[in-house]
Amino acid sequence: DTFKNSPNEEPAWDRFGRCIAFEG
C-alpha cells in the first residue's frame, strides 16, 4: 500500500496488541 498525507493510527497497541502488519 502507498500513503500520501494519510498517517496510520493504532493507539494502545501495547495493551490491545498489533492489529495490522505492514509489508512493503
mmCIF file of all heavy atoms, coordinates in Angstrom:
data_MODEL
# 
_entry.id   MODEL 
# 
loop_
_atom_site.group_PDB 
_atom_site.id 
_atom_site.type_symbol 
_atom_site.label_atom_id 
_atom_site.label_alt_id 
_atom_site.label_comp_id 
_atom_site.label_asym_id 
_atom_site.label_entity_id 
_atom_site.label_seq_id 
_atom_site.pdbx_PDB_ins_code 
_atom_site.Cartn_x 
_atom_site.Cartn_y 
_atom_site.Cartn_z 
_atom_site.occupancy 
_atom_site.B_iso_or_equiv 
_atom_site.pdbx_formal_charge 
_atom_site.auth_seq_id 
_atom_site.auth_comp_id 
_atom_site.auth_asym_id 
_atom_site.auth_atom_id 
_atom_site.pdbx_PDB_model_num 
ATOM 1   N N   . ASP A 1 1  ? 0.843  -1.191 0.000  1.00 0.00 ? 1  ASP A N   1 
ATOM 2   C CA  . ASP A 1 1  ? 0.000  0.000  0.000  1.00 0.00 ? 1  ASP A CA  1 
ATOM 3   C C   . ASP A 1 1  ? 0.886  1.252  0.000  1.00 0.00 ? 1  ASP A C   1 
ATOM 4   O O   . ASP A 1 1  ? 2.005  1.248  0.514  1.00 0.00 ? 1  ASP A O   1 
ATOM 5   C CB  . ASP A 1 1  ? -0.899 0.033  1.238  1.00 0.00 ? 1  ASP A CB  1 
ATOM 6   C CG  . ASP A 1 1  ? -1.988 -1.023 1.217  1.00 0.00 ? 1  ASP A CG  1 
ATOM 7   O OD1 . ASP A 1 1  ? -2.371 -1.458 0.113  1.00 0.00 ? 1  ASP A OD1 1 
ATOM 8   O OD2 . ASP A 1 1  ? -2.459 -1.411 2.305  1.00 0.00 ? 1  ASP A OD2 1 
ATOM 9   N N   . THR A 1 2  ? 0.382  2.347  -0.579 1.00 0.00 ? 2  THR A N   1 
ATOM 10  C CA  . THR A 1 2  ? 1.096  3.614  -0.555 1.00 0.00 ? 2  THR A CA  1 
ATOM 11  C C   . THR A 1 2  ? 0.266  4.656  0.187  1.00 0.00 ? 2  THR A C   1 
ATOM 12  O O   . THR A 1 2  ? -0.968 4.635  0.136  1.00 0.00 ? 2  THR A O   1 
ATOM 13  C CB  . THR A 1 2  ? 1.398  4.121  -1.982 1.00 0.00 ? 2  THR A CB  1 
ATOM 14  O OG1 . THR A 1 2  ? 0.177  4.267  -2.718 1.00 0.00 ? 2  THR A OG1 1 
ATOM 15  C CG2 . THR A 1 2  ? 2.306  3.139  -2.709 1.00 0.00 ? 2  THR A CG2 1 
ATOM 16  N N   . PHE A 1 3  ? 0.965  5.563  0.868  1.00 0.00 ? 3  PHE A N   1 
ATOM 17  C CA  . PHE A 1 3  ? 0.306  6.541  1.724  1.00 0.00 ? 3  PHE A CA  1 
ATOM 18  C C   . PHE A 1 3  ? 0.849  7.937  1.420  1.00 0.00 ? 3  PHE A C   1 
ATOM 19  O O   . PHE A 1 3  ? 2.056  8.159  1.427  1.00 0.00 ? 3  PHE A O   1 
ATOM 20  C CB  . PHE A 1 3  ? 0.555  6.216  3.202  1.00 0.00 ? 3  PHE A CB  1 
ATOM 21  C CG  . PHE A 1 3  ? 0.077  4.845  3.609  1.00 0.00 ? 3  PHE A CG  1 
ATOM 22  C CD1 . PHE A 1 3  ? 0.918  3.744  3.506  1.00 0.00 ? 3  PHE A CD1 1 
ATOM 23  C CD2 . PHE A 1 3  ? -1.212 4.655  4.066  1.00 0.00 ? 3  PHE A CD2 1 
ATOM 24  C CE1 . PHE A 1 3  ? 0.480  2.482  3.862  1.00 0.00 ? 3  PHE A CE1 1 
ATOM 25  C CE2 . PHE A 1 3  ? -1.657 3.391  4.434  1.00 0.00 ? 3  PHE A CE2 1 
ATOM 26  C CZ  . PHE A 1 3  ? -0.811 2.303  4.325  1.00 0.00 ? 3  PHE A CZ  1 
ATOM 27  N N   . LYS A 1 4  ? -0.055 8.857  1.134  1.00 0.00 ? 4  LYS A N   1 
ATOM 28  C CA  . LYS A 1 4  ? 0.304  10.259 0.939  1.00 0.00 ? 4  LYS A CA  1 
ATOM 29  C C   . LYS A 1 4  ? -0.609 11.102 1.811  1.00 0.00 ? 4  LYS A C   1 
ATOM 30  O O   . LYS A 1 4  ? -1.833 11.090 1.645  1.00 0.00 ? 4  LYS A O   1 
ATOM 31  C CB  . LYS A 1 4  ? 0.136  10.649 -0.532 1.00 0.00 ? 4  LYS A CB  1 
ATOM 32  C CG  . LYS A 1 4  ? 0.534  12.088 -0.823 1.00 0.00 ? 4  LYS A CG  1 
ATOM 33  C CD  . LYS A 1 4  ? 0.421  12.390 -2.310 1.00 0.00 ? 4  LYS A CD  1 
ATOM 34  C CE  . LYS A 1 4  ? 0.862  13.821 -2.616 1.00 0.00 ? 4  LYS A CE  1 
ATOM 35  N NZ  . LYS A 1 4  ? 0.734  14.119 -4.073 1.00 0.00 ? 4  LYS A NZ  1 
ATOM 36  N N   . ASN A 1 5  ? -0.019 11.784 2.763  1.00 0.00 ? 5  ASN A N   1 
ATOM 37  C CA  . ASN A 1 5  ? -0.789 12.598 3.709  1.00 0.00 ? 5  ASN A CA  1 
ATOM 38  C C   . ASN A 1 5  ? -1.926 11.795 4.333  1.00 0.00 ? 5  ASN A C   1 
ATOM 39  O O   . ASN A 1 5  ? -3.056 12.280 4.463  1.00 0.00 ? 5  ASN A O   1 
ATOM 40  C CB  . ASN A 1 5  ? -1.342 13.846 3.017  1.00 0.00 ? 5  ASN A CB  1 
ATOM 41  C CG  . ASN A 1 5  ? -0.249 14.806 2.580  1.00 0.00 ? 5  ASN A CG  1 
ATOM 42  O OD1 . ASN A 1 5  ? 0.803  14.867 3.209  1.00 0.00 ? 5  ASN A OD1 1 
ATOM 43  N ND2 . ASN A 1 5  ? -0.492 15.539 1.504  1.00 0.00 ? 5  ASN A ND2 1 
ATOM 44  N N   . SER A 1 6  ? -1.625 10.575 4.715  1.00 0.00 ? 6  SER A N   1 
ATOM 45  C CA  . SER A 1 6  ? -2.609 9.668  5.325  1.00 0.00 ? 6  SER A CA  1 
ATOM 46  C C   . SER A 1 6  ? -1.905 8.837  6.399  1.00 0.00 ? 6  SER A C   1 
ATOM 47  O O   . SER A 1 6  ? -1.640 7.651  6.208  1.00 0.00 ? 6  SER A O   1 
ATOM 48  C CB  . SER A 1 6  ? -3.243 8.758  4.263  1.00 0.00 ? 6  SER A CB  1 
ATOM 49  O OG  . SER A 1 6  ? -3.939 9.490  3.285  1.00 0.00 ? 6  SER A OG  1 
ATOM 50  N N   . PRO A 1 7  ? -1.575 9.435  7.547  1.00 0.00 ? 7  PRO A N   1 
ATOM 51  C CA  . PRO A 1 7  ? -0.850 8.695  8.580  1.00 0.00 ? 7  PRO A CA  1 
ATOM 52  C C   . PRO A 1 7  ? -1.713 7.612  9.204  1.00 0.00 ? 7  PRO A C   1 
ATOM 53  O O   . PRO A 1 7  ? -2.923 7.761  9.345  1.00 0.00 ? 7  PRO A O   1 
ATOM 54  C CB  . PRO A 1 7  ? -0.506 9.782  9.606  1.00 0.00 ? 7  PRO A CB  1 
ATOM 55  C CG  . PRO A 1 7  ? -1.592 10.808 9.436  1.00 0.00 ? 7  PRO A CG  1 
ATOM 56  C CD  . PRO A 1 7  ? -1.894 10.811 7.963  1.00 0.00 ? 7  PRO A CD  1 
ATOM 57  N N   . ASN A 1 8  ? -1.076 6.494  9.563  1.00 0.00 ? 8  ASN A N   1 
ATOM 58  C CA  . ASN A 1 8  ? -1.799 5.390  10.201 1.00 0.00 ? 8  ASN A CA  1 
ATOM 59  C C   . ASN A 1 8  ? -1.882 5.619  11.705 1.00 0.00 ? 8  ASN A C   1 
ATOM 60  O O   . ASN A 1 8  ? -0.977 6.199  12.311 1.00 0.00 ? 8  ASN A O   1 
ATOM 61  C CB  . ASN A 1 8  ? -1.102 4.066  9.895  1.00 0.00 ? 8  ASN A CB  1 
ATOM 62  C CG  . ASN A 1 8  ? -1.087 3.772  8.411  1.00 0.00 ? 8  ASN A CG  1 
ATOM 63  O OD1 . ASN A 1 8  ? -2.117 3.838  7.757  1.00 0.00 ? 8  ASN A OD1 1 
ATOM 64  N ND2 . ASN A 1 8  ? 0.083  3.464  7.866  1.00 0.00 ? 8  ASN A ND2 1 
ATOM 65  N N   . GLU A 1 9  ? -2.968 5.134  12.311 1.00 0.00 ? 9  GLU A N   1 
ATOM 66  C CA  . GLU A 1 9  ? -3.163 5.297  13.754 1.00 0.00 ? 9  GLU A CA  1 
ATOM 67  C C   . GLU A 1 9  ? -3.586 3.973  14.369 1.00 0.00 ? 9  GLU A C   1 
ATOM 68  O O   . GLU A 1 9  ? -4.634 3.419  14.019 1.00 0.00 ? 9  GLU A O   1 
ATOM 69  C CB  . GLU A 1 9  ? -4.225 6.362  14.039 1.00 0.00 ? 9  GLU A CB  1 
ATOM 70  C CG  . GLU A 1 9  ? -4.407 6.597  15.543 1.00 0.00 ? 9  GLU A CG  1 
ATOM 71  C CD  . GLU A 1 9  ? -5.522 7.577  15.868 1.00 0.00 ? 9  GLU A CD  1 
ATOM 72  O OE1 . GLU A 1 9  ? -6.680 7.288  15.526 1.00 0.00 ? 9  GLU A OE1 1 
ATOM 73  O OE2 . GLU A 1 9  ? -5.219 8.628  16.467 1.00 0.00 ? 9  GLU A OE2 1 
ATOM 74  N N   . GLU A 1 10 ? -2.746 3.472  15.271 1.00 0.00 ? 10 GLU A N   1 
ATOM 75  C CA  . GLU A 1 10 ? -3.065 2.247  16.015 1.00 0.00 ? 10 GLU A CA  1 
ATOM 76  C C   . GLU A 1 10 ? -2.765 2.506  17.486 1.00 0.00 ? 10 GLU A C   1 
ATOM 77  O O   . GLU A 1 10 ? -1.693 2.168  17.992 1.00 0.00 ? 10 GLU A O   1 
ATOM 78  C CB  . GLU A 1 10 ? -2.255 1.064  15.488 1.00 0.00 ? 10 GLU A CB  1 
ATOM 79  C CG  . GLU A 1 10 ? -2.668 -0.255 16.109 1.00 0.00 ? 10 GLU A CG  1 
ATOM 80  C CD  . GLU A 1 10 ? -2.015 -1.451 15.431 1.00 0.00 ? 10 GLU A CD  1 
ATOM 81  O OE1 . GLU A 1 10 ? -1.142 -1.261 14.573 1.00 0.00 ? 10 GLU A OE1 1 
ATOM 82  O OE2 . GLU A 1 10 ? -2.389 -2.593 15.792 1.00 0.00 ? 10 GLU A OE2 1 
ATOM 83  N N   . PRO A 1 11 ? -3.706 3.117  18.203 1.00 0.00 ? 11 PRO A N   1 
ATOM 84  C CA  . PRO A 1 11 ? -3.431 3.505  19.586 1.00 0.00 ? 11 PRO A CA  1 
ATOM 85  C C   . PRO A 1 11 ? -3.423 2.310  20.531 1.00 0.00 ? 11 PRO A C   1 
ATOM 86  O O   . PRO A 1 11 ? -4.075 1.295  20.291 1.00 0.00 ? 11 PRO A O   1 
ATOM 87  C CB  . PRO A 1 11 ? -4.593 4.448  19.913 1.00 0.00 ? 11 PRO A CB  1 
ATOM 88  C CG  . PRO A 1 11 ? -5.703 3.976  19.036 1.00 0.00 ? 11 PRO A CG  1 
ATOM 89  C CD  . PRO A 1 11 ? -5.048 3.489  17.773 1.00 0.00 ? 11 PRO A CD  1 
ATOM 90  N N   . ALA A 1 12 ? -2.662 2.465  21.607 1.00 0.00 ? 12 ALA A N   1 
ATOM 91  C CA  . ALA A 1 12 ? -2.646 1.494  22.710 1.00 0.00 ? 12 ALA A CA  1 
ATOM 92  C C   . ALA A 1 12 ? -2.355 0.081  22.236 1.00 0.00 ? 12 ALA A C   1 
ATOM 93  O O   . ALA A 1 12 ? -2.884 -0.889 22.774 1.00 0.00 ? 12 ALA A O   1 
ATOM 94  C CB  . ALA A 1 12 ? -3.979 1.552  23.472 1.00 0.00 ? 12 ALA A CB  1 
ATOM 95  N N   . TRP A 1 13 ? -1.459 -0.072 21.244 1.00 0.00 ? 13 TRP A N   1 
ATOM 96  C CA  . TRP A 1 13 ? -1.145 -1.416 20.763 1.00 0.00 ? 13 TRP A CA  1 
ATOM 97  C C   . TRP A 1 13 ? -0.481 -2.256 21.836 1.00 0.00 ? 13 TRP A C   1 
ATOM 98  O O   . TRP A 1 13 ? -0.605 -3.490 21.844 1.00 0.00 ? 13 TRP A O   1 
ATOM 99  C CB  . TRP A 1 13 ? -0.261 -1.341 19.513 1.00 0.00 ? 13 TRP A CB  1 
ATOM 100 C CG  . TRP A 1 13 ? 1.086  -0.710 19.749 1.00 0.00 ? 13 TRP A CG  1 
ATOM 101 C CD1 . TRP A 1 13 ? 1.431  0.585  19.566 1.00 0.00 ? 13 TRP A CD1 1 
ATOM 102 C CD2 . TRP A 1 13 ? 2.257  -1.375 20.236 1.00 0.00 ? 13 TRP A CD2 1 
ATOM 103 N NE1 . TRP A 1 13 ? 2.744  0.796  19.897 1.00 0.00 ? 13 TRP A NE1 1 
ATOM 104 C CE2 . TRP A 1 13 ? 3.280  -0.404 20.319 1.00 0.00 ? 13 TRP A CE2 1 
ATOM 105 C CE3 . TRP A 1 13 ? 2.557  -2.681 20.616 1.00 0.00 ? 13 TRP A CE3 1 
ATOM 106 C CZ2 . TRP A 1 13 ? 4.573  -0.687 20.758 1.00 0.00 ? 13 TRP A CZ2 1 
ATOM 107 C CZ3 . TRP A 1 13 ? 3.840  -2.977 21.052 1.00 0.00 ? 13 TRP A CZ3 1 
ATOM 108 C CH2 . TRP A 1 13 ? 4.831  -1.992 21.115 1.00 0.00 ? 13 TRP A CH2 1 
ATOM 109 N N   . ASP A 1 14 ? 0.235  -1.611 22.777 1.00 0.00 ? 14 ASP A N   1 
ATOM 110 C CA  . ASP A 1 14 ? 0.874  -2.373 23.851 1.00 0.00 ? 14 ASP A CA  1 
ATOM 111 C C   . ASP A 1 14 ? -0.155 -3.013 24.777 1.00 0.00 ? 14 ASP A C   1 
ATOM 112 O O   . ASP A 1 14 ? 0.105  -4.056 25.399 1.00 0.00 ? 14 ASP A O   1 
ATOM 113 C CB  . ASP A 1 14 ? 1.813  -1.483 24.651 1.00 0.00 ? 14 ASP A CB  1 
ATOM 114 C CG  . ASP A 1 14 ? 1.144  -0.208 25.147 1.00 0.00 ? 14 ASP A CG  1 
ATOM 115 O OD1 . ASP A 1 14 ? 0.097  0.171  24.581 1.00 0.00 ? 14 ASP A OD1 1 
ATOM 116 O OD2 . ASP A 1 14 ? 1.670  0.407  26.091 1.00 0.00 ? 14 ASP A OD2 1 
ATOM 117 N N   . ARG A 1 15 ? -1.368 -2.440 24.821 1.00 0.00 ? 15 ARG A N   1 
ATOM 118 C CA  . ARG A 1 15 ? -2.441 -3.008 25.644 1.00 0.00 ? 15 ARG A CA  1 
ATOM 119 C C   . ARG A 1 15 ? -3.290 -3.994 24.864 1.00 0.00 ? 15 ARG A C   1 
ATOM 120 O O   . ARG A 1 15 ? -3.702 -5.029 25.399 1.00 0.00 ? 15 ARG A O   1 
ATOM 121 C CB  . ARG A 1 15 ? -3.321 -1.878 26.190 1.00 0.00 ? 15 ARG A CB  1 
ATOM 122 C CG  . ARG A 1 15 ? -4.529 -2.366 26.972 1.00 0.00 ? 15 ARG A CG  1 
ATOM 123 C CD  . ARG A 1 15 ? -5.375 -1.212 27.466 1.00 0.00 ? 15 ARG A CD  1 
ATOM 124 N NE  . ARG A 1 15 ? -6.642 -1.686 28.027 1.00 0.00 ? 15 ARG A NE  1 
ATOM 125 C CZ  . ARG A 1 15 ? -7.640 -0.885 28.411 1.00 0.00 ? 15 ARG A CZ  1 
ATOM 126 N NH1 . ARG A 1 15 ? -7.507 0.442  28.310 1.00 0.00 ? 15 ARG A NH1 1 
ATOM 127 N NH2 . ARG A 1 15 ? -8.756 -1.391 28.901 1.00 0.00 ? 15 ARG A NH2 1 
ATOM 128 N N   . PHE A 1 16 ? -3.570 -3.684 23.598 1.00 0.00 ? 16 PHE A N   1 
ATOM 129 C CA  . PHE A 1 16 ? -4.524 -4.472 22.822 1.00 0.00 ? 16 PHE A CA  1 
ATOM 130 C C   . PHE A 1 16 ? -3.881 -5.328 21.737 1.00 0.00 ? 16 PHE A C   1 
ATOM 131 O O   . PHE A 1 16 ? -4.580 -6.101 21.072 1.00 0.00 ? 16 PHE A O   1 
ATOM 132 C CB  . PHE A 1 16 ? -5.557 -3.543 22.167 1.00 0.00 ? 16 PHE A CB  1 
ATOM 133 C CG  . PHE A 1 16 ? -6.422 -2.821 23.154 1.00 0.00 ? 16 PHE A CG  1 
ATOM 134 C CD1 . PHE A 1 16 ? -6.394 -1.438 23.239 1.00 0.00 ? 16 PHE A CD1 1 
ATOM 135 C CD2 . PHE A 1 16 ? -7.268 -3.513 24.008 1.00 0.00 ? 16 PHE A CD2 1 
ATOM 136 C CE1 . PHE A 1 16 ? -7.198 -0.759 24.150 1.00 0.00 ? 16 PHE A CE1 1 
ATOM 137 C CE2 . PHE A 1 16 ? -8.074 -2.860 24.909 1.00 0.00 ? 16 PHE A CE2 1 
ATOM 138 C CZ  . PHE A 1 16 ? -8.038 -1.469 24.985 1.00 0.00 ? 16 PHE A CZ  1 
ATOM 139 N N   . GLY A 1 17 ? -2.586 -5.211 21.535 1.00 0.00 ? 17 GLY A N   1 
ATOM 140 C CA  . GLY A 1 17 ? -1.910 -5.989 20.505 1.00 0.00 ? 17 GLY A CA  1 
ATOM 141 C C   . GLY A 1 17 ? -1.898 -5.273 19.162 1.00 0.00 ? 17 GLY A C   1 
ATOM 142 O O   . GLY A 1 17 ? -2.683 -4.367 18.905 1.00 0.00 ? 17 GLY A O   1 
ATOM 143 N N   . ARG A 1 18 ? -0.959 -5.709 18.320 1.00 0.00 ? 18 ARG A N   1 
ATOM 144 C CA  . ARG A 1 18 ? -0.889 -5.165 16.968 1.00 0.00 ? 18 ARG A CA  1 
ATOM 145 C C   . ARG A 1 18 ? -1.979 -5.804 16.103 1.00 0.00 ? 18 ARG A C   1 
ATOM 146 O O   . ARG A 1 18 ? -2.140 -7.020 16.079 1.00 0.00 ? 18 ARG A O   1 
ATOM 147 C CB  . ARG A 1 18 ? 0.469  -5.453 16.349 1.00 0.00 ? 18 ARG A CB  1 
ATOM 148 C CG  . ARG A 1 18 ? 1.615  -4.683 16.978 1.00 0.00 ? 18 ARG A CG  1 
ATOM 149 C CD  . ARG A 1 18 ? 1.597  -3.227 16.557 1.00 0.00 ? 18 ARG A CD  1 
ATOM 150 N NE  . ARG A 1 18 ? 2.810  -2.540 16.964 1.00 0.00 ? 18 ARG A NE  1 
ATOM 151 C CZ  . ARG A 1 18 ? 3.001  -1.241 16.878 1.00 0.00 ? 18 ARG A CZ  1 
ATOM 152 N NH1 . ARG A 1 18 ? 2.021  -0.466 16.414 1.00 0.00 ? 18 ARG A NH1 1 
ATOM 153 N NH2 . ARG A 1 18 ? 4.131  -0.688 17.259 1.00 0.00 ? 18 ARG A NH2 1 
ATOM 154 N N   . CYS A 1 19 ? -2.720 -4.960 15.372 1.00 0.00 ? 19 CYS A N   1 
ATOM 155 C CA  . CYS A 1 19 ? -3.852 -5.457 14.586 1.00 0.00 ? 19 CYS A CA  1 
ATOM 156 C C   . CYS A 1 19 ? -3.577 -5.486 13.094 1.00 0.00 ? 19 CYS A C   1 
ATOM 157 O O   . CYS A 1 19 ? -4.365 -6.063 12.337 1.00 0.00 ? 19 CYS A O   1 
ATOM 158 C CB  . CYS A 1 19 ? -5.085 -4.614 14.858 1.00 0.00 ? 19 CYS A CB  1 
ATOM 159 S SG  . CYS A 1 19 ? -5.722 -4.795 16.550 1.00 0.00 ? 19 CYS A SG  1 
ATOM 160 N N   . ILE A 1 20 ? -2.490 -4.863 12.647 1.00 0.00 ? 20 ILE A N   1 
ATOM 161 C CA  . ILE A 1 20 ? -2.162 -4.885 11.224 1.00 0.00 ? 20 ILE A CA  1 
ATOM 162 C C   . ILE A 1 20 ? -0.651 -4.861 11.054 1.00 0.00 ? 20 ILE A C   1 
ATOM 163 O O   . ILE A 1 20 ? 0.061  -4.158 11.783 1.00 0.00 ? 20 ILE A O   1 
ATOM 164 C CB  . ILE A 1 20 ? -2.840 -3.722 10.462 1.00 0.00 ? 20 ILE A CB  1 
ATOM 165 C CG1 . ILE A 1 20 ? -2.668 -3.875 8.956  1.00 0.00 ? 20 ILE A CG1 1 
ATOM 166 C CG2 . ILE A 1 20 ? -2.367 -2.366 10.976 1.00 0.00 ? 20 ILE A CG2 1 
ATOM 167 C CD1 . ILE A 1 20 ? -3.574 -2.963 8.134  1.00 0.00 ? 20 ILE A CD1 1 
ATOM 168 N N   . ALA A 1 21 ? -0.153 -5.654 10.121 1.00 0.00 ? 21 ALA A N   1 
ATOM 169 C CA  . ALA A 1 21 ? 1.265  -5.681 9.775  1.00 0.00 ? 21 ALA A CA  1 
ATOM 170 C C   . ALA A 1 21 ? 1.446  -5.015 8.424  1.00 0.00 ? 21 ALA A C   1 
ATOM 171 O O   . ALA A 1 21 ? 0.635  -5.170 7.512  1.00 0.00 ? 21 ALA A O   1 
ATOM 172 C CB  . ALA A 1 21 ? 1.768  -7.126 9.712  1.00 0.00 ? 21 ALA A CB  1 
ATOM 173 N N   . PHE A 1 22 ? 2.555  -4.283 8.282  1.00 0.00 ? 22 PHE A N   1 
ATOM 174 C CA  . PHE A 1 22 ? 2.840  -3.569 7.043  1.00 0.00 ? 22 PHE A CA  1 
ATOM 175 C C   . PHE A 1 22 ? 4.037  -4.220 6.364  1.00 0.00 ? 22 PHE A C   1 
ATOM 176 O O   . PHE A 1 22 ? 5.111  -4.327 6.949  1.00 0.00 ? 22 PHE A O   1 
ATOM 177 C CB  . PHE A 1 22 ? 3.108  -2.097 7.327  1.00 0.00 ? 22 PHE A CB  1 
ATOM 178 C CG  . PHE A 1 22 ? 1.903  -1.360 7.850  1.00 0.00 ? 22 PHE A CG  1 
ATOM 179 C CD1 . PHE A 1 22 ? 1.665  -1.249 9.218  1.00 0.00 ? 22 PHE A CD1 1 
ATOM 180 C CD2 . PHE A 1 22 ? 0.992  -0.814 6.969  1.00 0.00 ? 22 PHE A CD2 1 
ATOM 181 C CE1 . PHE A 1 22 ? 0.550  -0.592 9.692  1.00 0.00 ? 22 PHE A CE1 1 
ATOM 182 C CE2 . PHE A 1 22 ? -0.147 -0.145 7.445  1.00 0.00 ? 22 PHE A CE2 1 
ATOM 183 C CZ  . PHE A 1 22 ? -0.357 -0.034 8.800  1.00 0.00 ? 22 PHE A CZ  1 
ATOM 184 N N   . GLU A 1 23 ? 3.824  -4.641 5.117  1.00 0.00 ? 23 GLU A N   1 
ATOM 185 C CA  . GLU A 1 23 ? 4.865  -5.285 4.347  1.00 0.00 ? 23 GLU A CA  1 
ATOM 186 C C   . GLU A 1 23 ? 5.055  -4.536 3.030  1.00 0.00 ? 23 GLU A C   1 
ATOM 187 O O   . GLU A 1 23 ? 4.173  -4.539 2.181  1.00 0.00 ? 23 GLU A O   1 
ATOM 188 C CB  . GLU A 1 23 ? 4.500  -6.744 4.061  1.00 0.00 ? 23 GLU A CB  1 
ATOM 189 C CG  . GLU A 1 23 ? 4.308  -7.583 5.314  1.00 0.00 ? 23 GLU A CG  1 
ATOM 190 C CD  . GLU A 1 23 ? 3.864  -9.012 5.018  1.00 0.00 ? 23 GLU A CD  1 
ATOM 191 O OE1 . GLU A 1 23 ? 3.724  -9.333 3.818  1.00 0.00 ? 23 GLU A OE1 1 
ATOM 192 O OE2 . GLU A 1 23 ? 3.641  -9.755 5.979  1.00 0.00 ? 23 GLU A OE2 1 
ATOM 193 N N   . GLY A 1 24 ? 6.170  -3.859 2.890  1.00 0.00 ? 24 GLY A N   1 
ATOM 194 C CA  . GLY A 1 24 ? 6.466  -3.160 1.650  1.00 0.00 ? 24 GLY A CA  1 
ATOM 195 C C   . GLY A 1 24 ? 5.622  -1.945 1.390  1.00 0.00 ? 24 GLY A C   1 
ATOM 196 O O   . GLY A 1 24 ? 5.471  -1.511 0.232  1.00 0.00 ? 24 GLY A O   1 
# 
